[in-house]
Amino acid sequence: MMSINTVMVEKYRNNFLREVEANVEEGEWVKMCMQCGVCAGSCPLGDAWEHPPQEIFMMIRAGKREDVLTSDSMWMCTSCYNCIVRCPRELPITHIMHGLAHYARRLGIQPKNNPTQWFCDVFWNNMMKKGRVNELKLGLSLYFKNGFLSGIKESLKNAGLGLNMVKARRMSPMDFFGGHGVKDISGLQKMIKKAQELEADRIDRHGG
């Protein structure tokens, strides 16, 4: 017969908390949050969060699955790691937030028209072509995201930035025709593909 304490613990560990523990990177740490709010106060984008990390963790523990996974909060994390450095319990908050965003995307229930996800996709596709980021093409993708005229205006507005990047050798006009890349791009792509296969296999084995 289970003790009262055991019953209370099991009730506390709702289905969504178990789901997060099983499918989200470092998800088992969510239950350790003591709601001090230091993470929110340490975040450079703290004022822009719909729900700061401690609220997300409490919502997980309250079983608010849809509210958490459809929130854009996890996508606001810039990986500055201030929250991890200052957390009294040393929770891997950055990893959990990225893990939740990744899990929501795998489930196909991430926020619609998410600019962060769009940028991640553009950055990833840019980098995978030659193994290094082509800053010129990445910038043009950002500037022309909302159409040709908007792109021209953004390009002219940021012309000074572009010239400074050329002077610092961070960008070259020749990047438009391909740019620099790693020596063994085929090897890199095979390595990434293998990593993706291993991750997919891990997800299948753990049911999520």
N, C-alpha and C. Protein backbone atom coordinates (compact mmCIF):
# COMPACT_ATOMS: atom_id res chain seq x y z
N MET A 1 0.84 -1.20 0.00
CA MET A 1 0.00 0.00 0.00
C MET A 1 0.88 1.25 0.00
N MET A 2 0.59 2.20 -0.92
CA MET A 2 1.42 3.39 -1.03
C MET A 2 1.17 4.35 0.12
N SER A 3 2.24 5.00 0.57
CA SER A 3 2.12 5.99 1.64
C SER A 3 1.49 7.26 1.08
N ILE A 4 1.07 8.15 1.99
CA ILE A 4 0.48 9.42 1.57
C ILE A 4 1.49 10.24 0.78
N ASN A 5 2.76 10.23 1.24
CA ASN A 5 3.80 10.99 0.56
C ASN A 5 4.00 10.49 -0.87
N THR A 6 3.97 9.17 -1.06
CA THR A 6 4.15 8.59 -2.39
C THR A 6 3.00 9.00 -3.31
N VAL A 7 1.78 8.98 -2.78
CA VAL A 7 0.61 9.39 -3.55
C VAL A 7 0.73 10.85 -3.98
N MET A 8 1.20 11.70 -3.06
CA MET A 8 1.33 13.12 -3.35
C MET A 8 2.39 13.36 -4.43
N VAL A 9 3.49 12.60 -4.34
CA VAL A 9 4.56 12.74 -5.34
C VAL A 9 4.05 12.32 -6.71
N GLU A 10 3.33 11.21 -6.78
CA GLU A 10 2.81 10.72 -8.05
C GLU A 10 1.80 11.70 -8.65
N LYS A 11 0.99 12.31 -7.78
CA LYS A 11 0.03 13.29 -8.24
C LYS A 11 0.75 14.52 -8.79
N TYR A 12 1.84 14.89 -8.14
CA TYR A 12 2.64 16.03 -8.56
C TYR A 12 3.27 15.77 -9.92
N ARG A 13 3.70 14.53 -10.16
CA ARG A 13 4.34 14.16 -11.42
C ARG A 13 3.26 13.83 -12.45
N ASN A 14 2.62 14.86 -12.97
CA ASN A 14 1.53 14.68 -13.93
C ASN A 14 2.06 14.12 -15.24
N ASN A 15 1.15 13.77 -16.12
CA ASN A 15 1.53 13.16 -17.40
C ASN A 15 2.42 14.06 -18.25
N PHE A 16 2.14 15.36 -18.27
CA PHE A 16 2.95 16.25 -19.10
C PHE A 16 4.37 16.38 -18.54
N LEU A 17 4.50 16.43 -17.23
CA LEU A 17 5.83 16.48 -16.61
C LEU A 17 6.61 15.23 -17.00
N ARG A 18 5.98 14.07 -16.97
CA ARG A 18 6.64 12.83 -17.38
C ARG A 18 7.04 12.90 -18.86
N GLU A 19 6.15 13.47 -19.66
CA GLU A 19 6.42 13.60 -21.09
C GLU A 19 7.65 14.47 -21.33
N VAL A 20 7.74 15.57 -20.61
CA VAL A 20 8.88 16.46 -20.73
C VAL A 20 10.15 15.76 -20.25
N GLU A 21 10.08 15.06 -19.15
CA GLU A 21 11.24 14.34 -18.63
C GLU A 21 11.76 13.32 -19.63
N ALA A 22 10.85 12.70 -20.38
CA ALA A 22 11.22 11.63 -21.30
C ALA A 22 11.68 12.14 -22.67
N ASN A 23 11.23 13.33 -23.07
CA ASN A 23 11.45 13.75 -24.45
C ASN A 23 12.22 15.05 -24.62
N VAL A 24 12.43 15.79 -23.55
CA VAL A 24 13.08 17.10 -23.65
C VAL A 24 14.46 17.04 -23.00
N GLU A 25 15.43 17.60 -23.69
CA GLU A 25 16.79 17.62 -23.14
C GLU A 25 16.81 18.24 -21.75
N GLU A 26 17.38 17.52 -20.79
CA GLU A 26 17.49 17.95 -19.39
C GLU A 26 16.13 18.18 -18.75
N GLY A 27 15.08 17.59 -19.32
CA GLY A 27 13.72 17.81 -18.81
C GLY A 27 13.50 17.36 -17.39
N GLU A 28 14.32 16.43 -16.92
CA GLU A 28 14.16 15.93 -15.56
C GLU A 28 14.47 16.99 -14.50
N TRP A 29 15.09 18.10 -14.92
CA TRP A 29 15.42 19.17 -13.98
C TRP A 29 14.25 20.12 -13.71
N VAL A 30 13.21 20.05 -14.52
CA VAL A 30 12.09 20.99 -14.40
C VAL A 30 11.52 21.00 -12.98
N LYS A 31 11.39 19.82 -12.40
CA LYS A 31 10.78 19.72 -11.07
C LYS A 31 11.65 20.31 -9.96
N MET A 32 12.90 20.66 -10.28
CA MET A 32 13.80 21.21 -9.26
C MET A 32 13.70 22.73 -9.14
N CYS A 33 12.95 23.38 -10.05
CA CYS A 33 12.83 24.83 -10.00
C CYS A 33 12.09 25.27 -8.74
N MET A 34 12.67 26.26 -8.03
CA MET A 34 12.05 26.72 -6.78
C MET A 34 11.34 28.07 -6.95
N GLN A 35 11.17 28.50 -8.23
CA GLN A 35 10.37 29.68 -8.55
C GLN A 35 10.93 30.98 -7.95
N CYS A 36 12.24 31.12 -7.93
CA CYS A 36 12.83 32.34 -7.39
C CYS A 36 12.78 33.49 -8.38
N GLY A 37 12.75 33.19 -9.69
CA GLY A 37 12.67 34.23 -10.71
C GLY A 37 13.99 34.84 -11.10
N VAL A 38 15.10 34.31 -10.60
CA VAL A 38 16.41 34.86 -10.95
C VAL A 38 16.66 34.72 -12.45
N CYS A 39 16.18 33.66 -13.06
CA CYS A 39 16.38 33.45 -14.49
C CYS A 39 15.75 34.57 -15.31
N ALA A 40 14.52 34.94 -14.97
CA ALA A 40 13.83 36.01 -15.69
C ALA A 40 14.54 37.34 -15.49
N GLY A 41 15.00 37.60 -14.26
CA GLY A 41 15.69 38.85 -13.96
C GLY A 41 17.06 38.94 -14.59
N SER A 42 17.64 37.79 -14.95
CA SER A 42 18.98 37.76 -15.54
C SER A 42 18.95 37.80 -17.06
N CYS A 43 17.78 37.60 -17.65
CA CYS A 43 17.67 37.48 -19.10
C CYS A 43 17.66 38.85 -19.77
N PRO A 44 18.50 39.08 -20.78
CA PRO A 44 18.50 40.36 -21.49
C PRO A 44 17.18 40.66 -22.18
N LEU A 45 16.42 39.60 -22.50
CA LEU A 45 15.12 39.76 -23.15
C LEU A 45 13.97 39.51 -22.18
N GLY A 46 14.25 39.64 -20.90
CA GLY A 46 13.26 39.33 -19.88
C GLY A 46 11.91 40.00 -20.07
N ASP A 47 11.92 41.25 -20.53
CA ASP A 47 10.67 42.00 -20.71
C ASP A 47 9.86 41.51 -21.90
N ALA A 48 10.50 40.75 -22.80
CA ALA A 48 9.82 40.31 -24.03
C ALA A 48 9.20 38.93 -23.91
N TRP A 49 9.46 38.24 -22.81
CA TRP A 49 8.93 36.88 -22.66
C TRP A 49 7.43 36.88 -22.40
N GLU A 50 6.72 36.01 -23.09
CA GLU A 50 5.31 35.78 -22.76
C GLU A 50 5.25 35.09 -21.40
N HIS A 51 6.08 34.07 -21.22
CA HIS A 51 6.22 33.37 -19.95
C HIS A 51 7.71 33.15 -19.70
N PRO A 52 8.28 33.75 -18.64
CA PRO A 52 9.69 33.50 -18.34
C PRO A 52 9.89 32.04 -17.93
N PRO A 53 11.14 31.57 -17.89
CA PRO A 53 11.40 30.16 -17.63
C PRO A 53 10.71 29.59 -16.40
N GLN A 54 10.73 30.32 -15.29
CA GLN A 54 10.12 29.75 -14.08
C GLN A 54 8.62 29.55 -14.25
N GLU A 55 7.96 30.41 -15.04
CA GLU A 55 6.53 30.22 -15.32
C GLU A 55 6.31 29.01 -16.21
N ILE A 56 7.19 28.84 -17.22
CA ILE A 56 7.09 27.67 -18.08
C ILE A 56 7.22 26.40 -17.26
N PHE A 57 8.17 26.38 -16.33
CA PHE A 57 8.39 25.19 -15.51
C PHE A 57 7.18 24.91 -14.61
N MET A 58 6.58 25.97 -14.05
CA MET A 58 5.39 25.78 -13.22
C MET A 58 4.21 25.31 -14.07
N MET A 59 4.09 25.82 -15.29
CA MET A 59 3.01 25.39 -16.19
C MET A 59 3.17 23.92 -16.56
N ILE A 60 4.41 23.49 -16.74
CA ILE A 60 4.66 22.06 -17.02
C ILE A 60 4.20 21.23 -15.83
N ARG A 61 4.54 21.67 -14.65
CA ARG A 61 4.18 20.93 -13.43
C ARG A 61 2.68 20.98 -13.17
N ALA A 62 2.01 21.98 -13.77
CA ALA A 62 0.55 22.08 -13.64
C ALA A 62 -0.17 21.35 -14.76
N GLY A 63 0.59 20.75 -15.67
CA GLY A 63 -0.01 19.96 -16.74
C GLY A 63 -0.56 20.77 -17.90
N LYS A 64 -0.10 22.02 -18.06
CA LYS A 64 -0.63 22.88 -19.13
C LYS A 64 0.13 22.63 -20.44
N ARG A 65 -0.08 21.49 -21.01
CA ARG A 65 0.68 21.02 -22.17
C ARG A 65 0.55 21.95 -23.38
N GLU A 66 -0.67 22.24 -23.80
CA GLU A 66 -0.88 23.06 -24.99
C GLU A 66 -0.35 24.47 -24.79
N ASP A 67 -0.59 25.05 -23.62
CA ASP A 67 -0.13 26.42 -23.35
C ASP A 67 1.39 26.52 -23.43
N VAL A 68 2.07 25.47 -22.99
CA VAL A 68 3.53 25.48 -23.01
C VAL A 68 4.06 25.28 -24.42
N LEU A 69 3.62 24.22 -25.08
CA LEU A 69 4.20 23.84 -26.37
C LEU A 69 3.83 24.78 -27.52
N THR A 70 2.75 25.54 -27.38
CA THR A 70 2.39 26.50 -28.42
C THR A 70 2.87 27.92 -28.10
N SER A 71 3.53 28.08 -26.98
CA SER A 71 4.05 29.39 -26.59
C SER A 71 5.29 29.73 -27.40
N ASP A 72 5.53 31.03 -27.62
CA ASP A 72 6.76 31.43 -28.30
C ASP A 72 7.89 31.71 -27.31
N SER A 73 7.63 31.46 -26.03
CA SER A 73 8.61 31.78 -24.99
C SER A 73 9.94 31.06 -25.20
N MET A 74 9.89 29.74 -25.50
CA MET A 74 11.12 28.99 -25.64
C MET A 74 11.97 29.49 -26.80
N TRP A 75 11.30 30.08 -27.79
CA TRP A 75 11.99 30.56 -28.98
C TRP A 75 12.67 31.90 -28.75
N MET A 76 12.45 32.51 -27.57
CA MET A 76 13.06 33.80 -27.26
C MET A 76 14.48 33.64 -26.72
N CYS A 77 14.87 32.44 -26.34
CA CYS A 77 16.18 32.22 -25.71
C CYS A 77 17.30 32.46 -26.71
N THR A 78 18.28 33.30 -26.33
CA THR A 78 19.41 33.61 -27.20
C THR A 78 20.69 32.88 -26.79
N SER A 79 20.57 31.98 -25.83
CA SER A 79 21.72 31.17 -25.37
C SER A 79 22.83 32.02 -24.75
N CYS A 80 22.47 33.04 -24.00
CA CYS A 80 23.48 33.84 -23.32
C CYS A 80 24.00 33.15 -22.05
N TYR A 81 23.21 32.23 -21.53
CA TYR A 81 23.56 31.39 -20.36
C TYR A 81 23.61 32.17 -19.04
N ASN A 82 23.12 33.41 -19.03
CA ASN A 82 23.05 34.15 -17.76
C ASN A 82 22.21 33.40 -16.74
N CYS A 83 21.11 32.80 -17.20
CA CYS A 83 20.20 32.11 -16.29
C CYS A 83 20.87 30.91 -15.62
N ILE A 84 21.66 30.17 -16.39
CA ILE A 84 22.34 29.00 -15.83
C ILE A 84 23.39 29.44 -14.81
N VAL A 85 24.13 30.48 -15.15
CA VAL A 85 25.20 30.96 -14.25
C VAL A 85 24.63 31.44 -12.92
N ARG A 86 23.44 32.06 -12.96
CA ARG A 86 22.90 32.68 -11.75
C ARG A 86 21.85 31.84 -11.02
N CYS A 87 21.42 30.74 -11.61
CA CYS A 87 20.41 29.90 -10.96
C CYS A 87 20.96 29.31 -9.67
N PRO A 88 20.28 29.53 -8.53
CA PRO A 88 20.76 28.99 -7.25
C PRO A 88 20.88 27.47 -7.24
N ARG A 89 20.08 26.81 -8.05
CA ARG A 89 20.13 25.34 -8.11
C ARG A 89 20.85 24.82 -9.35
N GLU A 90 21.45 25.74 -10.10
CA GLU A 90 22.26 25.38 -11.28
C GLU A 90 21.47 24.55 -12.29
N LEU A 91 20.21 24.90 -12.49
CA LEU A 91 19.40 24.21 -13.49
C LEU A 91 19.89 24.55 -14.90
N PRO A 92 19.91 23.58 -15.81
CA PRO A 92 20.34 23.83 -17.19
C PRO A 92 19.21 24.48 -17.99
N ILE A 93 18.83 25.68 -17.60
CA ILE A 93 17.63 26.34 -18.12
C ILE A 93 17.69 26.53 -19.64
N THR A 94 18.84 26.98 -20.14
CA THR A 94 18.98 27.20 -21.58
C THR A 94 18.71 25.92 -22.36
N HIS A 95 19.27 24.81 -21.90
CA HIS A 95 19.09 23.53 -22.59
C HIS A 95 17.63 23.09 -22.55
N ILE A 96 16.97 23.33 -21.43
CA ILE A 96 15.56 22.94 -21.32
C ILE A 96 14.70 23.76 -22.27
N MET A 97 14.95 25.07 -22.33
CA MET A 97 14.14 25.92 -23.21
C MET A 97 14.32 25.54 -24.68
N HIS A 98 15.56 25.31 -25.08
CA HIS A 98 15.79 24.87 -26.46
C HIS A 98 15.19 23.48 -26.69
N GLY A 99 15.28 22.63 -25.67
CA GLY A 99 14.70 21.29 -25.79
C GLY A 99 13.20 21.33 -25.97
N LEU A 100 12.53 22.22 -25.25
CA LEU A 100 11.08 22.37 -25.39
C LEU A 100 10.71 22.88 -26.79
N ALA A 101 11.48 23.85 -27.29
CA ALA A 101 11.23 24.37 -28.64
C ALA A 101 11.41 23.27 -29.68
N HIS A 102 12.47 22.50 -29.52
CA HIS A 102 12.74 21.41 -30.45
C HIS A 102 11.64 20.35 -30.41
N TYR A 103 11.18 20.06 -29.20
CA TYR A 103 10.13 19.05 -29.03
C TYR A 103 8.82 19.54 -29.64
N ALA A 104 8.48 20.79 -29.42
CA ALA A 104 7.25 21.36 -30.01
C ALA A 104 7.31 21.31 -31.53
N ARG A 105 8.48 21.56 -32.07
CA ARG A 105 8.63 21.51 -33.53
C ARG A 105 8.48 20.08 -34.03
N ARG A 106 9.05 19.12 -33.33
CA ARG A 106 8.91 17.73 -33.74
C ARG A 106 7.45 17.30 -33.76
N LEU A 107 6.69 17.83 -32.82
CA LEU A 107 5.27 17.51 -32.74
C LEU A 107 4.44 18.30 -33.74
N GLY A 108 5.04 19.34 -34.33
CA GLY A 108 4.32 20.17 -35.30
C GLY A 108 3.34 21.14 -34.68
N ILE A 109 3.58 21.51 -33.42
CA ILE A 109 2.64 22.42 -32.74
C ILE A 109 3.33 23.68 -32.25
N GLN A 110 4.46 24.01 -32.86
CA GLN A 110 5.15 25.24 -32.50
C GLN A 110 4.34 26.44 -32.99
N PRO A 111 4.59 27.64 -32.45
CA PRO A 111 3.84 28.82 -32.88
C PRO A 111 3.95 29.05 -34.39
N LYS A 112 2.87 29.50 -35.00
CA LYS A 112 2.88 29.79 -36.43
C LYS A 112 3.58 31.13 -36.69
N ASN A 113 4.14 31.26 -37.89
CA ASN A 113 4.83 32.49 -38.30
C ASN A 113 5.89 32.90 -37.29
N ASN A 114 6.66 31.90 -36.84
CA ASN A 114 7.68 32.13 -35.83
C ASN A 114 8.97 32.65 -36.49
N PRO A 115 9.35 33.91 -36.25
CA PRO A 115 10.54 34.45 -36.91
C PRO A 115 11.83 33.76 -36.48
N THR A 116 11.88 33.29 -35.24
CA THR A 116 13.08 32.61 -34.76
C THR A 116 13.29 31.30 -35.51
N GLN A 117 12.22 30.54 -35.67
CA GLN A 117 12.34 29.28 -36.40
C GLN A 117 12.71 29.54 -37.86
N TRP A 118 12.11 30.57 -38.46
CA TRP A 118 12.44 30.92 -39.83
C TRP A 118 13.92 31.23 -39.97
N PHE A 119 14.45 32.03 -39.04
CA PHE A 119 15.88 32.38 -39.10
C PHE A 119 16.75 31.13 -38.90
N CYS A 120 16.36 30.26 -37.99
CA CYS A 120 17.12 29.02 -37.76
C CYS A 120 17.20 28.19 -39.04
N ASP A 121 16.09 28.08 -39.74
CA ASP A 121 16.05 27.30 -40.98
C ASP A 121 16.94 27.94 -42.05
N VAL A 122 16.85 29.27 -42.19
CA VAL A 122 17.67 29.97 -43.19
C VAL A 122 19.15 29.83 -42.85
N PHE A 123 19.49 30.01 -41.58
CA PHE A 123 20.88 29.91 -41.14
C PHE A 123 21.42 28.50 -41.39
N TRP A 124 20.62 27.48 -41.02
CA TRP A 124 21.04 26.08 -41.17
C TRP A 124 21.26 25.74 -42.65
N ASN A 125 20.30 26.09 -43.50
CA ASN A 125 20.42 25.78 -44.92
C ASN A 125 21.60 26.50 -45.55
N ASN A 126 21.85 27.73 -45.10
CA ASN A 126 22.99 28.50 -45.58
C ASN A 126 24.29 27.80 -45.20
N MET A 127 24.40 27.42 -43.95
CA MET A 127 25.63 26.81 -43.45
C MET A 127 25.91 25.44 -44.07
N MET A 128 24.85 24.65 -44.30
CA MET A 128 25.02 23.30 -44.79
C MET A 128 25.49 23.22 -46.24
N LYS A 129 25.35 24.30 -47.00
CA LYS A 129 25.78 24.27 -48.40
C LYS A 129 27.29 24.14 -48.54
N LYS A 130 28.04 24.85 -47.68
CA LYS A 130 29.49 24.80 -47.79
C LYS A 130 30.19 24.58 -46.44
N GLY A 131 29.40 24.39 -45.39
CA GLY A 131 30.01 24.13 -44.09
C GLY A 131 30.34 25.38 -43.31
N ARG A 132 30.15 26.53 -43.91
CA ARG A 132 30.38 27.81 -43.24
C ARG A 132 29.27 28.77 -43.65
N VAL A 133 29.00 29.74 -42.81
CA VAL A 133 27.94 30.69 -43.10
C VAL A 133 28.40 31.71 -44.14
N ASN A 134 27.60 31.89 -45.17
CA ASN A 134 27.84 32.92 -46.17
C ASN A 134 27.09 34.17 -45.70
N GLU A 135 27.82 35.10 -45.09
CA GLU A 135 27.19 36.26 -44.46
C GLU A 135 26.40 37.11 -45.46
N LEU A 136 26.92 37.25 -46.68
CA LEU A 136 26.24 38.07 -47.68
C LEU A 136 24.87 37.48 -48.02
N LYS A 137 24.84 36.19 -48.32
CA LYS A 137 23.57 35.57 -48.68
C LYS A 137 22.61 35.49 -47.48
N LEU A 138 23.17 35.31 -46.29
CA LEU A 138 22.33 35.30 -45.09
C LEU A 138 21.68 36.67 -44.89
N GLY A 139 22.48 37.72 -45.05
CA GLY A 139 21.95 39.07 -44.90
C GLY A 139 20.88 39.38 -45.93
N LEU A 140 21.12 38.99 -47.17
CA LEU A 140 20.14 39.23 -48.22
C LEU A 140 18.84 38.48 -47.96
N SER A 141 18.95 37.27 -47.41
CA SER A 141 17.75 36.49 -47.08
C SER A 141 16.91 37.23 -46.03
N LEU A 142 17.61 37.85 -45.07
CA LEU A 142 16.91 38.59 -44.02
C LEU A 142 16.27 39.86 -44.58
N TYR A 143 17.04 40.60 -45.39
CA TYR A 143 16.55 41.87 -45.91
C TYR A 143 15.37 41.71 -46.85
N PHE A 144 15.38 40.65 -47.65
CA PHE A 144 14.34 40.47 -48.66
C PHE A 144 13.24 39.51 -48.21
N LYS A 145 13.20 39.25 -46.92
CA LYS A 145 12.19 38.35 -46.37
C LYS A 145 10.77 38.83 -46.66
N ASN A 146 10.56 40.15 -46.62
CA ASN A 146 9.21 40.70 -46.77
C ASN A 146 8.96 41.32 -48.14
N GLY A 147 9.76 40.93 -49.14
CA GLY A 147 9.52 41.42 -50.48
C GLY A 147 10.68 42.24 -51.05
N PHE A 148 10.59 42.50 -52.35
CA PHE A 148 11.69 43.16 -53.06
C PHE A 148 11.92 44.60 -52.59
N LEU A 149 10.85 45.40 -52.54
CA LEU A 149 11.01 46.80 -52.16
C LEU A 149 11.52 46.94 -50.73
N SER A 150 10.96 46.11 -49.85
CA SER A 150 11.42 46.14 -48.46
C SER A 150 12.89 45.74 -48.38
N GLY A 151 13.28 44.79 -49.22
CA GLY A 151 14.68 44.34 -49.23
C GLY A 151 15.62 45.43 -49.68
N ILE A 152 15.22 46.18 -50.72
CA ILE A 152 16.06 47.28 -51.20
C ILE A 152 16.25 48.33 -50.10
N LYS A 153 15.16 48.67 -49.42
CA LYS A 153 15.23 49.67 -48.35
C LYS A 153 16.15 49.20 -47.22
N GLU A 154 16.01 47.93 -46.82
CA GLU A 154 16.84 47.39 -45.73
C GLU A 154 18.30 47.34 -46.15
N SER A 155 18.55 46.96 -47.41
CA SER A 155 19.93 46.88 -47.91
C SER A 155 20.60 48.25 -47.89
N LEU A 156 19.87 49.27 -48.35
CA LEU A 156 20.43 50.63 -48.35
C LEU A 156 20.64 51.15 -46.93
N LYS A 157 19.71 50.82 -46.06
CA LYS A 157 19.81 51.28 -44.67
C LYS A 157 21.03 50.67 -43.97
N ASN A 158 21.39 49.44 -44.36
CA ASN A 158 22.49 48.74 -43.70
C ASN A 158 23.75 48.69 -44.56
N ALA A 159 23.82 49.57 -45.55
CA ALA A 159 24.99 49.58 -46.44
C ALA A 159 26.28 49.81 -45.65
N GLY A 160 26.23 50.69 -44.66
CA GLY A 160 27.42 50.97 -43.85
C GLY A 160 27.92 49.74 -43.12
N LEU A 161 26.98 48.97 -42.58
CA LEU A 161 27.34 47.73 -41.89
C LEU A 161 28.02 46.76 -42.84
N GLY A 162 27.47 46.66 -44.07
CA GLY A 162 28.05 45.77 -45.07
C GLY A 162 29.47 46.17 -45.43
N LEU A 163 29.71 47.47 -45.59
CA LEU A 163 31.05 47.96 -45.93
C LEU A 163 32.04 47.67 -44.81
N ASN A 164 31.59 47.83 -43.58
CA ASN A 164 32.46 47.54 -42.44
C ASN A 164 32.82 46.05 -42.38
N MET A 165 31.86 45.19 -42.73
CA MET A 165 32.13 43.76 -42.74
C MET A 165 33.11 43.41 -43.85
N VAL A 166 33.01 44.09 -45.00
CA VAL A 166 33.97 43.87 -46.08
C VAL A 166 35.37 44.31 -45.65
N LYS A 167 35.47 45.48 -45.00
CA LYS A 167 36.76 45.98 -44.52
C LYS A 167 37.38 45.03 -43.50
N ALA A 168 36.52 44.43 -42.66
CA ALA A 168 37.02 43.51 -41.62
C ALA A 168 37.22 42.09 -42.17
N ARG A 169 36.98 41.93 -43.48
CA ARG A 169 37.14 40.64 -44.16
C ARG A 169 36.19 39.57 -43.61
N ARG A 170 35.06 40.04 -43.12
CA ARG A 170 34.01 39.11 -42.67
C ARG A 170 33.04 38.81 -43.80
N MET A 171 33.16 39.58 -44.90
CA MET A 171 32.27 39.41 -46.03
C MET A 171 32.97 39.91 -47.29
N SER A 172 32.66 39.27 -48.40
CA SER A 172 33.25 39.67 -49.68
C SER A 172 32.17 39.67 -50.75
N PRO A 173 32.24 40.61 -51.70
CA PRO A 173 31.26 40.59 -52.81
C PRO A 173 31.25 39.25 -53.54
N MET A 174 32.39 38.54 -53.52
CA MET A 174 32.47 37.24 -54.19
C MET A 174 31.63 36.18 -53.48
N ASP A 175 31.22 36.47 -52.24
CA ASP A 175 30.38 35.52 -51.51
C ASP A 175 29.06 35.27 -52.24
N PHE A 176 28.66 36.25 -53.04
CA PHE A 176 27.40 36.10 -53.78
C PHE A 176 27.49 34.95 -54.78
N PHE A 177 28.71 34.63 -55.21
CA PHE A 177 28.92 33.57 -56.21
C PHE A 177 29.35 32.25 -55.57
N GLY A 178 29.25 32.17 -54.27
CA GLY A 178 29.58 30.90 -53.60
C GLY A 178 30.23 31.10 -52.25
N GLY A 179 31.32 31.84 -52.23
CA GLY A 179 32.00 32.10 -50.97
C GLY A 179 32.88 30.94 -50.53
N HIS A 180 33.47 31.08 -49.35
CA HIS A 180 34.40 30.08 -48.84
C HIS A 180 33.65 28.93 -48.18
N GLY A 181 34.31 27.81 -48.06
CA GLY A 181 33.68 26.65 -47.43
C GLY A 181 34.72 25.75 -46.80
N VAL A 182 34.30 24.71 -46.14
CA VAL A 182 35.23 23.75 -45.54
C VAL A 182 35.81 22.87 -46.64
N LYS A 183 36.93 22.23 -46.35
CA LYS A 183 37.60 21.42 -47.36
C LYS A 183 36.81 20.16 -47.71
N ASP A 184 36.22 19.54 -46.69
CA ASP A 184 35.51 18.27 -46.93
C ASP A 184 34.03 18.44 -46.64
N ILE A 185 33.31 19.15 -47.50
CA ILE A 185 31.89 19.39 -47.27
C ILE A 185 31.10 18.09 -47.32
N SER A 186 31.52 17.15 -48.16
CA SER A 186 30.84 15.86 -48.25
C SER A 186 30.95 15.11 -46.92
N GLY A 187 32.13 15.14 -46.33
CA GLY A 187 32.33 14.48 -45.04
C GLY A 187 31.49 15.11 -43.94
N LEU A 188 31.42 16.45 -43.95
CA LEU A 188 30.60 17.15 -42.96
C LEU A 188 29.13 16.77 -43.11
N GLN A 189 28.64 16.75 -44.35
CA GLN A 189 27.24 16.44 -44.58
C GLN A 189 26.91 15.00 -44.16
N LYS A 190 27.84 14.08 -44.40
CA LYS A 190 27.64 12.69 -43.97
C LYS A 190 27.60 12.59 -42.46
N MET A 191 28.46 13.36 -41.79
CA MET A 191 28.48 13.35 -40.33
C MET A 191 27.17 13.88 -39.76
N ILE A 192 26.67 14.99 -40.33
CA ILE A 192 25.41 15.56 -39.89
C ILE A 192 24.26 14.59 -40.13
N LYS A 193 24.25 13.95 -41.30
CA LYS A 193 23.21 12.99 -41.63
C LYS A 193 23.20 11.83 -40.64
N LYS A 194 24.40 11.33 -40.28
CA LYS A 194 24.50 10.24 -39.32
C LYS A 194 23.99 10.66 -37.95
N ALA A 195 24.32 11.87 -37.54
CA ALA A 195 23.83 12.39 -36.26
C ALA A 195 22.31 12.49 -36.25
N GLN A 196 21.73 12.93 -37.37
CA GLN A 196 20.28 13.03 -37.47
C GLN A 196 19.63 11.64 -37.41
N GLU A 197 20.27 10.66 -38.03
CA GLU A 197 19.74 9.29 -37.99
C GLU A 197 19.78 8.73 -36.57
N LEU A 198 20.86 8.99 -35.86
CA LEU A 198 20.98 8.53 -34.47
C LEU A 198 19.93 9.19 -33.58
N GLU A 199 19.69 10.49 -33.82
CA GLU A 199 18.67 11.20 -33.04
C GLU A 199 17.28 10.66 -33.33
N ALA A 200 17.00 10.39 -34.63
CA ALA A 200 15.70 9.83 -35.00
C ALA A 200 15.50 8.46 -34.38
N ASP A 201 16.58 7.66 -34.34
CA ASP A 201 16.50 6.34 -33.74
C ASP A 201 16.25 6.44 -32.24
N ARG A 202 16.90 7.40 -31.58
CA ARG A 202 16.70 7.60 -30.15
C ARG A 202 15.25 7.98 -29.85
N ILE A 203 14.70 8.85 -30.69
CA ILE A 203 13.31 9.29 -30.51
C ILE A 203 12.36 8.12 -30.68
N ASP A 204 12.61 7.28 -31.70
CA ASP A 204 11.74 6.11 -31.95
C ASP A 204 11.79 5.15 -30.77
N ARG A 205 12.98 4.93 -30.23
CA ARG A 205 13.13 3.98 -29.13
C ARG A 205 12.46 4.46 -27.84
N HIS A 206 12.41 5.78 -27.67
CA HIS A 206 11.82 6.33 -26.45
C HIS A 206 10.37 6.78 -26.66
N GLY A 207 9.84 6.49 -27.84
CA GLY A 207 8.42 6.79 -28.07
C GLY A 207 8.08 8.23 -28.14
N GLY A 208 8.94 9.08 -28.63
CA GLY A 208 8.59 10.49 -28.75
C GLY A 208 9.71 11.31 -29.23
